[in-house]
Every structure is written in C-alpha cells, then in structure tokens.
C-alpha cells in the first residue's frame, strides 16, 4: 500500500505507517498536478487536510485510489458521497484536534474580554507616550468566571469548549437543533474526575438572551446561523467567537452590530472569503483574528497523524484477509 500525505502528516503518523510496511510519500503536490502524481506513482491512499481538494474530477481520474483520508473533522474539501459510490473508503479524525480548537476559543475570549488583542496592537506604537491613557481605556474588562457561556453545537469540539467553560466557573447553555443530553467528564491532573450532565436546548431566543459569551462550533452550513434577527436578540455587550466555518455568521452584519455597540467584541478564526478575508474585518479593532489555526498545534497534529495511520493499517489488514 502506498500513501500520499499531500498536506503533510506528523512524524509519529509517518513512523507508524513505515513500521507497518506501508510506503509514505510526504510530497506536497500542487492541486493541478495531484491527479498525474497519484496515477504515475500508483498511490492507493490520499491523505489531505484543508488545502488539497478531492472533487469528482480527481476521483474519476484516479481509478486506483482506494482510500481518502482527511486530517481533521470537516470534510468540505472532499466529495464524500461520490467517493463512497465509487467504492473508496473515507476516513477522518473527528476528535483529534478538538482540544486545540477549544483552547483557541478561550484564547480569543480572554483576549477580547481583557483587550489583549487591541493592547498588543497599540503598545508597540503608543506604549511610551500614552501608557496611562491606554491603561484607563482598557480597564473596563471582564472575568469569564460567573458569566454564561453559550455553545452552538454539541459535537466533540463543542463538548471540549463546555469543559473549559465549566473549569473556569462559567454557567453553560448549549444550542442544538433538537434537545439532547450528554455526560461530560472533566479529568484532572491528580487522577480525579467529575461528571457533568448537560442538556441542550433548541430555544434560540432564550439561548441568545442568556449568553454572555457565544462560541460557534458547528459543521459547515448552507445559510447563516447568526444574522440580523439573532444579533438583535443577543445581550448587549456579548462576545462571540467563530472557529467553525466561514459562512455560519454574517460578517458584514457582525461589523454593523459591533459598531453599534451591541456586540462588545468578536473573534474569527474562519472567514467567508478565506483565504482572502475582507479588509474591514482585518482592520476592525474590536475583532480578534487568527488565520484558521484552530487545530494547528503540535499536539493535535501528532494525534491526527497517529489516528490516520491506525485506520490505514487496519484497512490494510482487512484487505489482506
């Protein structure tokens, strides 16, 4: 079995594949040349992250392809159902990067609530001349403890966001299409653990009215989850973080509600026009921004590589049988 990890794979994942006798090609092939590379090198398994697109054209042009793997949760860049209809196995790593994304959510929340994103911009420019003025302007900050965390989505990332919120002493609301109950376990350094039973709601109005901090953790959607009607029902001074997908929140309307003072601050790790976000987003001081790096930690990449390798090795063994 020959594997092309076109968007890279961790060393741990690479080593696991090699130890199982699987050849790994850690090349970076441009999208226009992927088809020829796969066919010329008799690639059986194509591993991608978010860069390489695996559309119907590629699937049809590469009849020797047996497995397509996505390092991460979302499968937006793969024509999954079409690939399955051609007998191709689809694998991914739905939980490997969940903790990394959840930690980024709170990195942004704390940055917004304490004005860290703005002070980091201004201190190099004005720290020696307007120190006292900035200290005063950034004093209207908030703790997260005791506030209400609203989480849209109850998947693996949403659950990790909830766990961190609980650990910080936040109240928790969860919004899903249909109410559901999950038991979440918080594990601590000394071996102790505590279980929390969390039940979601499908009452959007009540959810928005109660939440001080809102985290969006859903799959890609065909329409906005958050638009003008939802913004209008939120608390004054709410903070919002989107690490889900571009297009789940109306970015133009978001700016309007930030400028009106309804929203105290927002953070975006994903964008509608990615990888070329709109300039008004990039220039707005009330926004904390990052370039789609939710799952991009050394820890997450190690887990992703190992999980993909384990699935490929299992598929190889099943094929041999």
Protein backbone atom coordinates (compact mmCIF):
# COMPACT_ATOMS: atom_id res chain seq x y z
CA UNK A 1 0.00 0.00 0.00
CA UNK A 2 1.30 3.46 -0.97
CA UNK A 3 0.18 6.64 0.81
CA UNK A 4 0.43 10.24 -0.38
CA UNK A 5 0.17 12.66 2.55
CA UNK A 6 -0.24 15.67 0.33
CA UNK A 7 -0.90 18.20 3.10
CA UNK A 8 1.63 16.61 5.45
CA UNK A 9 1.48 14.13 8.31
CA UNK A 10 3.13 14.10 11.73
CA UNK A 11 6.35 12.20 12.26
CA UNK A 12 4.56 9.86 14.65
CA UNK A 13 1.99 9.00 11.98
CA UNK A 14 4.69 8.58 9.34
CA UNK A 15 6.69 6.24 11.58
CA UNK A 16 3.61 4.15 12.41
CA UNK A 17 2.92 3.64 8.69
CA UNK A 18 6.52 2.75 7.91
CA UNK A 19 6.67 0.25 10.77
CA UNK A 20 3.61 -1.45 9.28
CA UNK A 21 5.41 -1.76 5.95
CA UNK A 22 3.39 0.97 4.26
CA UNK A 23 5.19 3.34 1.90
CA UNK A 24 4.57 7.01 2.70
CA UNK A 25 5.11 9.79 0.15
CA UNK A 26 5.34 13.03 2.07
CA UNK A 27 5.29 15.17 -1.06
CA UNK A 28 3.48 18.47 -1.49
CA UNK A 29 1.91 18.28 -4.93
CA UNK A 30 0.12 21.32 -6.37
CA UNK A 31 -3.61 20.83 -6.94
CA UNK A 32 -3.21 20.91 -10.73
CA UNK A 33 -0.69 18.05 -10.63
CA UNK A 34 -2.24 15.78 -7.98
CA UNK A 35 -4.06 13.55 -10.48
CA UNK A 36 -0.94 12.83 -12.52
CA UNK A 37 1.14 12.25 -9.40
CA UNK A 38 -1.35 9.77 -7.96
CA UNK A 39 -1.55 7.80 -11.21
CA UNK A 40 2.19 7.95 -12.00
CA UNK A 41 3.11 6.71 -8.51
CA UNK A 42 0.30 4.15 -8.08
CA UNK A 43 -0.99 5.86 -4.93
CA UNK A 44 -3.56 3.83 -3.00
CA UNK A 45 -4.29 6.29 -0.20
CA UNK A 46 -4.59 10.08 -0.45
CA UNK A 47 -4.37 12.00 2.82
CA UNK A 48 -5.34 15.67 2.90
CA UNK A 49 -6.13 18.42 5.35
CA UNK A 50 -7.80 21.60 4.14
CA UNK A 51 -5.54 22.59 1.24
CA UNK A 52 -5.98 19.77 -1.27
CA UNK A 53 -9.45 19.45 -2.82
CA UNK A 54 -10.73 15.98 -3.70
CA UNK A 55 -13.57 16.56 -6.11
CA UNK A 56 -15.39 14.29 -8.54
CA UNK A 57 -12.93 15.05 -11.33
CA UNK A 58 -9.99 13.76 -9.29
CA UNK A 59 -11.91 10.70 -8.10
CA UNK A 60 -12.88 9.76 -11.67
CA UNK A 61 -9.35 10.35 -12.95
CA UNK A 62 -7.70 8.17 -10.28
CA UNK A 63 -9.30 4.70 -10.53
CA UNK A 64 -6.54 3.13 -8.41
CA UNK A 65 -7.36 5.25 -5.37
CA UNK A 66 -8.71 3.07 -2.55
CA UNK A 67 -8.78 5.39 0.47
CA UNK A 68 -9.18 9.13 1.02
CA UNK A 69 -8.32 10.46 4.46
CA UNK A 70 -8.93 13.87 5.97
CA UNK A 71 -6.78 15.01 8.89
CA UNK A 72 -9.46 16.77 10.93
CA UNK A 73 -13.21 16.90 11.33
CA UNK A 74 -14.78 18.72 8.40
CA UNK A 75 -14.96 17.04 5.00
CA UNK A 76 -15.89 20.13 2.99
CA UNK A 77 -12.99 19.70 0.57
CA UNK A 78 -13.91 16.10 -0.33
CA UNK A 79 -16.85 14.85 -2.41
CA UNK A 80 -17.51 12.20 0.20
CA UNK A 81 -20.68 10.59 -1.09
CA UNK A 82 -19.41 10.41 -4.64
CA UNK A 83 -16.18 8.79 -3.48
CA UNK A 84 -18.14 6.23 -1.47
CA UNK A 85 -20.28 5.46 -4.52
CA UNK A 86 -17.05 4.54 -6.32
CA UNK A 87 -16.08 2.13 -3.57
CA UNK A 88 -13.47 4.40 -1.99
CA UNK A 89 -13.09 4.26 1.79
CA UNK A 90 -13.30 7.63 3.59
CA UNK A 91 -11.53 8.18 6.89
CA UNK A 92 -11.01 11.21 9.11
CA UNK A 93 -10.05 12.17 12.67
CA UNK A 94 -13.14 13.77 14.20
CA UNK A 95 -11.81 14.24 17.74
CA UNK A 96 -8.04 14.59 17.41
CA UNK A 97 -7.97 18.40 17.24
CA UNK A 98 -10.99 19.15 19.46
CA UNK A 99 -8.98 20.27 22.49
CA UNK A 100 -6.77 22.51 20.37
CA UNK A 101 -9.77 24.26 18.81
CA UNK A 102 -11.48 24.64 22.20
CA UNK A 103 -8.37 26.20 23.73
CA UNK A 104 -8.20 28.68 20.85
CA UNK A 105 -11.82 29.64 21.54
CA UNK A 106 -10.87 30.67 25.06
CA UNK A 107 -7.65 32.28 23.91
CA UNK A 108 -9.86 34.60 21.87
CA UNK A 109 -12.47 35.04 24.62
CA UNK A 110 -9.85 36.09 27.16
CA UNK A 111 -8.11 38.29 24.61
CA UNK A 112 -11.40 40.07 23.89
CA UNK A 113 -12.56 40.36 27.49
CA UNK A 114 -9.19 41.79 28.59
CA UNK A 115 -8.50 43.86 25.43
CA UNK A 116 -5.29 41.90 24.80
CA UNK A 117 -5.80 41.88 21.03
CA UNK A 118 -6.03 45.68 20.96
CA UNK A 119 -3.34 46.44 23.54
CA UNK A 120 -0.93 44.20 21.66
CA UNK A 121 -1.53 46.31 18.57
CA UNK A 122 -1.17 49.64 20.35
CA UNK A 123 1.58 49.10 22.92
CA UNK A 124 4.41 48.97 20.34
CA UNK A 125 3.06 52.19 18.79
CA UNK A 126 1.94 54.22 21.79
CA UNK A 127 3.13 52.43 24.90
CA UNK A 128 5.80 55.01 25.62
CA UNK A 129 3.56 58.04 25.05
CA UNK A 130 0.01 57.04 26.02
CA UNK A 131 0.59 54.36 28.65
CA UNK A 132 -1.75 55.84 31.27
CA UNK A 133 -4.47 56.60 28.74
CA UNK A 134 -4.41 53.03 27.44
CA UNK A 135 -4.43 51.64 30.96
CA UNK A 136 -7.60 53.62 31.63
CA UNK A 137 -9.28 52.71 28.32
CA UNK A 138 -8.60 49.00 28.84
CA UNK A 139 -9.82 48.90 32.44
CA UNK A 140 -13.43 48.11 31.51
CA UNK A 141 -12.60 44.40 31.26
CA UNK A 142 -14.43 41.29 32.44
CA UNK A 143 -13.75 37.97 34.10
CA UNK A 144 -15.22 34.87 32.48
CA UNK A 145 -16.00 33.24 35.81
CA UNK A 146 -19.67 33.52 36.69
CA UNK A 147 -20.67 34.52 33.16
CA UNK A 148 -22.88 32.41 30.88
CA UNK A 149 -21.17 30.54 28.07
CA UNK A 150 -23.40 29.80 25.10
CA UNK A 151 -22.18 26.99 22.84
CA UNK A 152 -23.79 26.42 19.45
CA UNK A 153 -23.14 22.78 18.58
CA UNK A 154 -22.68 19.74 20.79
CA UNK A 155 -20.07 17.75 18.89
CA UNK A 156 -16.58 16.90 20.09
CA UNK A 157 -15.31 20.49 19.84
CA UNK A 158 -18.41 21.94 21.47
CA UNK A 159 -18.02 19.48 24.33
CA UNK A 160 -14.38 20.48 24.87
CA UNK A 161 -15.42 24.16 24.88
CA UNK A 162 -18.05 23.36 27.51
CA UNK A 163 -15.48 21.56 29.69
CA UNK A 164 -13.13 24.54 29.69
CA UNK A 165 -16.04 26.87 30.46
CA UNK A 166 -17.05 24.72 33.43
CA UNK A 167 -13.44 24.65 34.66
CA UNK A 168 -13.39 28.46 34.56
CA UNK A 169 -16.56 28.65 36.64
CA UNK A 170 -18.92 29.61 33.85
CA UNK A 171 -22.59 28.73 33.53
CA UNK A 172 -23.30 26.76 30.36
CA UNK A 173 -26.03 26.88 27.72
CA UNK A 174 -25.93 24.63 24.65
CA UNK A 175 -27.96 25.13 21.48
CA UNK A 176 -28.76 22.25 19.10
CA UNK A 177 -31.49 21.56 16.54
CA UNK A 178 -33.07 19.03 18.91
CA UNK A 179 -32.55 18.86 22.69
CA UNK A 180 -30.11 16.17 23.77
CA UNK A 181 -28.28 15.16 26.93
CA UNK A 182 -24.60 14.26 27.23
CA UNK A 183 -22.47 13.34 30.23
CA UNK A 184 -19.14 15.19 30.06
CA UNK A 185 -16.18 14.11 32.17
CA UNK A 186 -13.57 16.58 33.39
CA UNK A 187 -10.29 14.81 34.14
CA UNK A 188 -7.78 16.45 36.46
CA UNK A 189 -4.02 16.17 36.91
CA UNK A 190 -4.22 14.06 40.06
CA UNK A 191 -6.40 11.34 38.61
CA UNK A 192 -9.69 12.73 39.88
CA UNK A 193 -12.62 13.25 37.54
CA UNK A 194 -16.03 14.87 37.75
CA UNK A 195 -19.05 14.12 35.55
CA UNK A 196 -21.48 16.82 34.41
CA UNK A 197 -24.81 16.06 32.77
CA UNK A 198 -25.52 18.74 30.17
CA UNK A 199 -28.83 19.06 28.32
CA UNK A 200 -29.05 21.27 25.25
CA UNK A 201 -31.95 23.44 24.14
CA UNK A 202 -33.43 24.26 20.74
CA UNK A 203 -34.86 27.56 22.00
CA UNK A 204 -32.69 30.03 20.08
CA UNK A 205 -34.30 33.13 21.58
CA UNK A 206 -33.75 32.08 25.19
CA UNK A 207 -30.24 30.91 24.38
CA UNK A 208 -29.27 34.26 22.83
CA UNK A 209 -30.91 36.27 25.61
CA UNK A 210 -28.95 34.47 28.35
CA UNK A 211 -25.46 34.12 26.84
CA UNK A 212 -22.60 36.50 27.69
CA UNK A 213 -20.03 34.62 25.57
CA UNK A 214 -21.05 32.67 22.46
CA UNK A 215 -18.91 30.04 20.75
CA UNK A 216 -19.96 28.67 17.36
CA UNK A 217 -18.86 25.05 16.91
CA UNK A 218 -20.93 23.57 14.09
CA UNK A 219 -20.25 21.89 10.73
CA UNK A 220 -20.47 23.92 7.53
CA UNK A 221 -23.96 25.27 6.88
CA UNK A 222 -25.76 26.39 3.73
CA UNK A 223 -27.06 29.54 5.38
CA UNK A 224 -26.16 31.82 8.27
CA UNK A 225 -26.82 30.55 11.77
CA UNK A 226 -26.21 34.05 13.12
CA UNK A 227 -27.61 37.02 11.17
CA UNK A 228 -29.51 40.22 11.94
CA UNK A 229 -32.50 38.61 13.76
CA UNK A 230 -30.15 36.65 16.02
CA UNK A 231 -27.83 39.60 16.70
CA UNK A 232 -30.84 41.71 17.72
CA UNK A 233 -31.89 39.16 20.35
CA UNK A 234 -28.46 38.90 21.99
CA UNK A 235 -27.48 40.55 25.25
CA UNK A 236 -25.89 43.97 24.97
CA UNK A 237 -22.12 43.61 25.29
CA UNK A 238 -21.95 39.97 24.17
CA UNK A 239 -18.70 38.39 22.94
CA UNK A 240 -18.72 35.94 20.00
CA UNK A 241 -16.08 33.53 18.70
CA UNK A 242 -16.38 31.58 15.44
CA UNK A 243 -13.95 28.70 14.95
CA UNK A 244 -16.45 26.61 12.97
CA UNK A 245 -16.63 27.52 9.28
CA UNK A 246 -16.85 30.70 7.27
CA UNK A 247 -20.46 31.37 6.33
CA UNK A 248 -22.10 30.39 9.61
CA UNK A 249 -22.14 34.03 10.72
CA UNK A 250 -22.89 37.08 8.57
CA UNK A 251 -19.61 39.00 8.76
CA UNK A 252 -20.99 42.23 7.27
CA UNK A 253 -23.83 42.34 9.78
CA UNK A 254 -21.39 41.41 12.55
CA UNK A 255 -19.41 44.58 11.87
CA UNK A 256 -22.61 46.66 11.95
CA UNK A 257 -23.56 45.32 15.39
CA UNK A 258 -20.03 45.82 16.71
CA UNK A 259 -20.07 49.43 15.56
CA UNK A 260 -23.50 49.99 17.14
CA UNK A 261 -22.12 48.73 20.47
CA UNK A 262 -24.47 45.74 20.67
CA UNK A 263 -21.52 43.34 20.42
CA UNK A 264 -18.56 44.12 22.67
CA UNK A 265 -16.15 42.09 20.60
CA UNK A 266 -15.84 39.11 18.30
CA UNK A 267 -13.18 36.70 17.13
CA UNK A 268 -12.89 34.92 13.80
CA UNK A 269 -10.60 32.02 13.00
CA UNK A 270 -12.54 31.22 9.82
CA UNK A 271 -13.86 33.52 7.10
CA UNK A 272 -16.41 33.59 4.30
CA UNK A 273 -13.79 34.66 1.75
CA UNK A 274 -10.96 32.51 3.04
CA UNK A 275 -8.07 32.74 2.31
CA UNK A 276 -8.66 36.42 1.47
CA UNK A 277 -10.74 37.91 4.31
CA UNK A 278 -12.45 41.23 3.73
CA UNK A 279 -10.34 44.27 4.65
CA UNK A 280 -12.98 45.77 7.01
CA UNK A 281 -12.68 42.62 9.13
CA UNK A 282 -8.91 42.76 9.21
CA UNK A 283 -8.86 46.42 10.20
CA UNK A 284 -11.59 46.42 12.86
CA UNK A 285 -10.07 46.87 16.37
CA UNK A 286 -12.99 45.07 18.04
CA UNK A 287 -12.10 41.84 16.26
CA UNK A 288 -9.58 39.27 17.45
CA UNK A 289 -8.38 37.38 14.39
CA UNK A 290 -6.43 34.23 13.53
CA UNK A 291 -5.79 32.52 10.16
CA UNK A 292 -7.79 29.26 10.54
CA UNK A 293 -5.38 27.72 13.04
CA UNK A 294 -7.89 26.04 15.37
CA UNK A 295 -6.42 22.56 15.02
CA UNK A 296 -2.89 23.64 14.21
CA UNK A 297 -0.98 22.61 17.30
CA UNK A 298 1.87 20.15 17.57
CA UNK A 299 -0.30 18.07 19.91
CA UNK A 300 -3.25 17.91 17.52
CA UNK A 301 -1.07 17.09 14.53
CA UNK A 302 0.53 14.21 16.43
CA UNK A 303 -2.89 12.81 17.32
CA UNK A 304 -4.17 13.28 13.76
CA UNK A 305 -1.17 11.52 12.24
CA UNK A 306 -1.41 8.57 14.63
CA UNK A 307 -5.19 8.18 14.18
CA UNK A 308 -4.92 8.24 10.38
CA UNK A 309 -2.08 5.73 10.46
CA UNK A 310 -4.03 3.38 12.73
CA UNK A 311 -7.05 3.48 10.42
CA UNK A 312 -4.94 2.85 7.31
CA UNK A 313 -3.11 -0.06 8.97
CA UNK A 314 -6.46 -1.55 9.97
CA UNK A 315 -7.80 -1.22 6.42
CA UNK A 316 -4.66 -2.85 5.04
CA UNK A 317 -5.06 -5.82 7.38
CA UNK A 318 -8.71 -6.19 6.39
CA UNK A 319 -7.74 -6.15 2.71
CA UNK A 320 -5.10 -8.83 3.23
CA UNK A 321 -7.65 -11.09 4.90
